[in-house]
Amino acid sequence: FLFFFFFQAEDGIRDVERSRGLGDVYKRQTITILDLRMNYIGGKGAEAIGDALRNNATLTVLYLSRNSIGTEGAKAIGEALEVNKKLAIICLKDNNIEVEGAKTIGKALEINETLAVIGLSENNIGDEGAKAICKAFKTSKILAMIGIGDNNIGDEGAKTIADALKNNNTLVVLYSNDNKIETEGAKAIAESLEGNSVFSLLTISFNKIGDEGIKALKEVQRKNKNLEIEF
């Protein structure tokens, strides 16, 4: 039997004990998609989910956005991803994982061989967190889509992203909107995409890339008809 589990805040699992119980259920069932958005499970709840992830061989999609898991919760999920061999999609949007959480997730992405899509927007990871995540771009053979929008990433982080893109042939989509990327960061990303025939979508709206940044990206887009950029 295959199961799709969908929970939101009104389902009433905001407290730690109930989220632990859900982790136990998750271990026993053949669940393929688990949606726990907006349940405020916190760090302890994320630890329960992480424990279940270590032992589950059926789940392919996990939505954990807006759960206030914080750095500790991100650490638990990251450590689980290092050993999980099934999960393909995970969304951790708006969980306040910050830099240390991003480092743990980044380390996991370097090791994990199945995760193709990860959402990390609205987590305040900054340039240092972006650097940690980008390390995985260079080693991952499967990562295809990543969301890092609204994370206070500036030119330093953008240059790290650009460097990683030069050495990646699997990433197809990058959501980097609502950050603090300026002209130099945009130019670096543009340069990195010049010889990339795999990459197809970049969102960079609501940054501060200016006319020169837009010009550089549009020039790359002119050369690569398969590349879509949302300014």
Protein backbone atom coordinates (compact mmCIF):
# COMPACT_ATOMS: atom_id res chain seq x y z
CA PHE A 1 0.00 0.00 0.00
CA LEU A 2 1.14 3.54 -0.77
CA PHE A 3 0.12 6.46 1.43
CA PHE A 4 0.03 10.23 1.00
CA PHE A 5 -0.01 12.00 4.38
CA PHE A 6 -1.08 15.65 4.50
CA PHE A 7 -1.06 17.62 7.76
CA GLN A 8 -1.31 21.32 8.45
CA ALA A 9 -1.56 23.34 11.64
CA GLU A 10 -5.27 22.67 12.08
CA ASP A 11 -4.50 18.96 12.34
CA GLY A 12 -3.16 19.69 15.79
CA ILE A 13 0.39 18.35 15.98
CA ARG A 14 2.04 21.54 17.17
CA ASP A 15 3.48 19.94 20.30
CA VAL A 16 6.54 17.75 20.59
CA GLU A 17 4.88 14.56 21.84
CA ARG A 18 2.45 14.43 18.95
CA SER A 19 5.17 15.02 16.38
CA ARG A 20 7.17 12.20 17.96
CA GLY A 21 4.14 9.97 17.60
CA LEU A 22 3.87 10.90 13.94
CA GLY A 23 7.50 9.89 13.51
CA ASP A 24 6.64 6.46 14.90
CA VAL A 25 3.75 6.12 12.45
CA TYR A 26 6.01 7.20 9.62
CA LYS A 27 8.44 4.38 10.47
CA ARG A 28 5.70 1.76 10.26
CA GLN A 29 3.85 2.80 7.11
CA THR A 30 4.75 2.72 3.43
CA ILE A 31 4.46 6.49 3.00
CA THR A 32 5.76 8.07 -0.19
CA ILE A 33 4.75 11.74 0.30
CA LEU A 34 4.56 13.49 3.67
CA ASP A 35 3.29 17.07 3.94
CA LEU A 36 3.83 18.70 7.35
CA ARG A 37 3.82 22.35 6.35
CA MET A 38 2.84 24.89 9.04
CA ASN A 39 2.68 22.51 11.99
CA TYR A 40 5.27 24.29 14.16
CA ILE A 41 6.87 21.02 15.21
CA GLY A 42 10.04 22.81 16.32
CA GLY A 43 13.49 21.34 16.77
CA LYS A 44 12.34 18.36 18.81
CA GLY A 45 9.72 17.45 16.26
CA ALA A 46 12.34 17.68 13.52
CA GLU A 47 14.53 15.32 15.51
CA ALA A 48 11.70 12.78 15.50
CA ILE A 49 11.25 13.17 11.76
CA GLY A 50 15.01 12.89 11.28
CA ASP A 51 15.09 9.67 13.28
CA ALA A 52 12.33 8.26 11.08
CA LEU A 53 14.14 9.38 7.92
CA ARG A 54 17.17 7.34 8.86
CA ASN A 55 15.15 4.13 8.82
CA ASN A 56 12.55 4.77 6.14
CA ALA A 57 13.08 3.36 2.65
CA THR A 58 9.88 4.51 0.93
CA LEU A 59 9.43 8.28 1.41
CA THR A 60 10.36 10.31 -1.67
CA VAL A 61 8.84 13.73 -0.89
CA LEU A 62 8.90 15.65 2.42
CA TYR A 63 7.45 19.12 3.01
CA LEU A 64 8.56 20.73 6.28
CA SER A 65 8.24 24.45 5.53
CA ARG A 66 7.20 26.91 8.24
CA ASN A 67 7.81 24.60 11.19
CA SER A 68 10.26 26.64 13.27
CA ILE A 69 12.75 23.78 13.38
CA GLY A 70 15.72 26.13 13.83
CA THR A 71 19.38 25.17 13.77
CA GLU A 72 18.98 22.04 15.89
CA GLY A 73 16.14 20.74 13.78
CA ALA A 74 18.14 21.38 10.61
CA LYS A 75 21.04 19.46 12.12
CA ALA A 76 18.79 16.47 12.79
CA ILE A 77 17.39 16.53 9.26
CA GLY A 78 20.84 17.04 7.74
CA GLU A 79 22.35 14.11 9.60
CA ALA A 80 19.44 11.93 8.50
CA LEU A 81 19.93 12.94 4.87
CA GLU A 82 23.50 11.71 5.05
CA VAL A 83 22.24 8.14 5.41
CA ASN A 84 18.83 8.25 3.72
CA LYS A 85 18.87 6.62 0.29
CA LYS A 86 15.34 7.32 -0.97
CA LEU A 87 14.21 10.93 -0.47
CA ALA A 88 14.18 12.94 -3.71
CA ILE A 89 12.46 16.20 -2.68
CA ILE A 90 12.56 18.15 0.59
CA CYS A 91 11.25 21.62 1.39
CA LEU A 92 12.64 23.41 4.46
CA LYS A 93 11.42 26.90 3.61
CA ASP A 94 11.01 29.45 6.41
CA ASN A 95 12.45 27.46 9.30
CA ASN A 96 15.10 29.87 10.60
CA ILE A 97 17.90 27.35 10.13
CA GLU A 98 20.48 30.15 9.74
CA VAL A 99 24.17 29.61 8.95
CA GLU A 100 24.86 26.60 11.16
CA GLY A 101 21.79 24.78 9.90
CA ALA A 102 22.83 25.50 6.32
CA LYS A 103 26.27 24.04 7.01
CA THR A 104 24.74 20.78 8.20
CA ILE A 105 22.39 20.61 5.23
CA GLY A 106 25.24 21.46 2.86
CA LYS A 107 27.38 18.65 4.24
CA ALA A 108 24.49 16.23 3.75
CA LEU A 109 24.01 17.33 0.15
CA GLU A 110 27.64 16.53 -0.57
CA ILE A 111 27.04 12.95 0.57
CA ASN A 112 23.42 12.26 -0.38
CA GLU A 113 22.92 10.45 -3.70
CA THR A 114 19.14 10.71 -4.19
CA LEU A 115 18.03 14.25 -3.31
CA ALA A 116 17.25 16.18 -6.51
CA VAL A 117 15.19 19.11 -5.20
CA ILE A 118 15.61 21.17 -2.02
CA GLY A 119 13.84 24.31 -0.88
CA LEU A 120 15.76 26.52 1.56
CA SER A 121 14.20 29.95 1.02
CA GLU A 122 13.53 32.34 3.92
CA ASN A 123 16.06 30.84 6.31
CA ASN A 124 18.48 33.71 6.90
CA ILE A 125 21.50 31.67 5.83
CA GLY A 126 23.44 34.65 4.44
CA ASP A 127 26.65 34.45 2.43
CA GLU A 128 28.26 31.91 4.75
CA GLY A 129 25.29 29.59 4.52
CA ALA A 130 25.24 29.96 0.74
CA LYS A 131 28.89 28.94 0.63
CA ALA A 132 28.10 25.79 2.60
CA ILE A 133 25.24 24.84 0.30
CA CYS A 134 27.23 25.58 -2.84
CA LYS A 135 29.92 23.05 -1.97
CA ALA A 136 27.39 20.39 -2.87
CA PHE A 137 27.01 21.82 -6.39
CA LYS A 138 30.53 20.66 -7.17
CA THR A 139 30.06 17.07 -6.01
CA SER A 140 26.37 16.22 -6.40
CA LYS A 141 25.50 14.07 -9.38
CA ILE A 142 21.75 14.46 -8.98
CA LEU A 143 20.85 17.86 -7.46
CA ALA A 144 18.66 19.57 -10.08
CA MET A 145 16.70 22.33 -8.34
CA ILE A 146 17.41 24.49 -5.32
CA GLY A 147 15.59 27.41 -3.74
CA ILE A 148 17.66 29.91 -1.75
CA GLY A 149 15.51 33.02 -2.13
CA ASP A 150 15.07 35.61 0.62
CA ASN A 151 18.16 34.58 2.55
CA ASN A 152 20.16 37.82 2.84
CA ILE A 153 22.66 36.56 0.28
CA GLY A 154 24.87 39.30 -1.17
CA ASP A 155 27.61 39.52 -3.79
CA GLU A 156 29.99 37.32 -1.81
CA GLY A 157 27.46 34.52 -1.74
CA ALA A 158 26.54 35.13 -5.39
CA LYS A 159 30.18 34.75 -6.44
CA THR A 160 30.30 31.45 -4.58
CA ILE A 161 27.17 30.36 -6.41
CA ALA A 162 28.79 31.36 -9.69
CA ASP A 163 31.94 29.40 -8.97
CA ALA A 164 29.86 26.35 -8.09
CA LEU A 165 27.80 26.62 -11.28
CA LYS A 166 30.96 26.48 -13.36
CA ASN A 167 31.66 23.03 -11.99
CA ASN A 168 28.14 21.62 -12.07
CA ASN A 169 26.35 19.75 -14.85
CA THR A 170 23.18 18.65 -13.07
CA LEU A 171 21.57 21.81 -11.66
CA VAL A 172 18.69 22.99 -13.85
CA VAL A 173 16.85 25.55 -11.70
CA LEU A 174 18.06 28.09 -9.11
CA TYR A 175 15.67 30.35 -7.21
CA SER A 176 17.71 33.26 -5.82
CA ASN A 177 15.12 36.02 -5.73
CA ASP A 178 14.61 38.47 -2.83
CA ASN A 179 18.25 38.55 -1.76
CA LYS A 180 20.88 41.31 -1.65
CA ILE A 181 22.77 40.45 -4.81
CA GLU A 182 24.16 43.49 -6.60
CA THR A 183 25.82 44.14 -9.96
CA GLU A 184 29.08 42.27 -9.32
CA GLY A 185 27.27 39.19 -8.09
CA ALA A 186 24.97 39.20 -11.12
CA LYS A 187 27.93 39.54 -13.48
CA ALA A 188 29.67 36.60 -11.82
CA ILE A 189 26.57 34.42 -12.20
CA ALA A 190 26.19 35.51 -15.83
CA GLU A 191 29.78 34.54 -16.59
CA SER A 192 29.33 31.15 -14.94
CA LEU A 193 26.32 30.36 -17.13
CA GLU A 194 28.03 31.11 -20.45
CA GLY A 195 29.21 27.57 -21.04
CA ASN A 196 26.47 25.78 -19.10
CA SER A 197 24.15 23.92 -21.46
CA VAL A 198 22.17 22.14 -18.73
CA PHE A 199 20.97 25.05 -16.60
CA SER A 200 17.57 26.41 -17.71
CA LEU A 201 15.97 28.75 -15.11
CA LEU A 202 17.32 31.48 -12.83
CA THR A 203 15.11 33.71 -10.73
CA ILE A 204 16.92 36.81 -9.54
CA SER A 205 14.08 39.29 -9.11
CA PHE A 206 13.95 41.67 -6.14
CA ASN A 207 17.71 41.95 -5.82
CA LYS A 208 19.85 45.01 -6.52
CA ILE A 209 21.65 43.93 -9.67
CA GLY A 210 21.14 47.24 -11.52
CA ASP A 211 21.22 47.91 -15.24
CA GLU A 212 24.72 46.46 -15.70
CA GLY A 213 23.79 43.25 -13.93
CA ILE A 214 20.67 42.89 -16.06
CA LYS A 215 22.69 43.60 -19.20
CA ALA A 216 25.23 40.87 -18.38
CA LEU A 217 22.52 38.28 -17.72
CA LYS A 218 20.54 39.22 -20.82
CA GLU A 219 23.66 38.80 -22.94
CA VAL A 220 24.06 35.24 -21.68
CA GLN A 221 20.36 34.65 -22.30
CA ARG A 222 20.78 35.91 -25.87
CA LYS A 223 23.49 33.33 -26.48
CA ASN A 224 21.58 30.51 -24.80
CA LYS A 225 18.03 30.28 -26.11
CA ASN A 226 17.16 27.56 -23.58
CA LEU A 227 17.96 29.79 -20.60
CA GLU A 228 15.08 31.56 -18.86
CA ILE A 229 15.80 34.36 -16.38
CA GLU A 230 13.22 36.07 -14.21
CA PHE A 231 14.39 39.59 -13.33
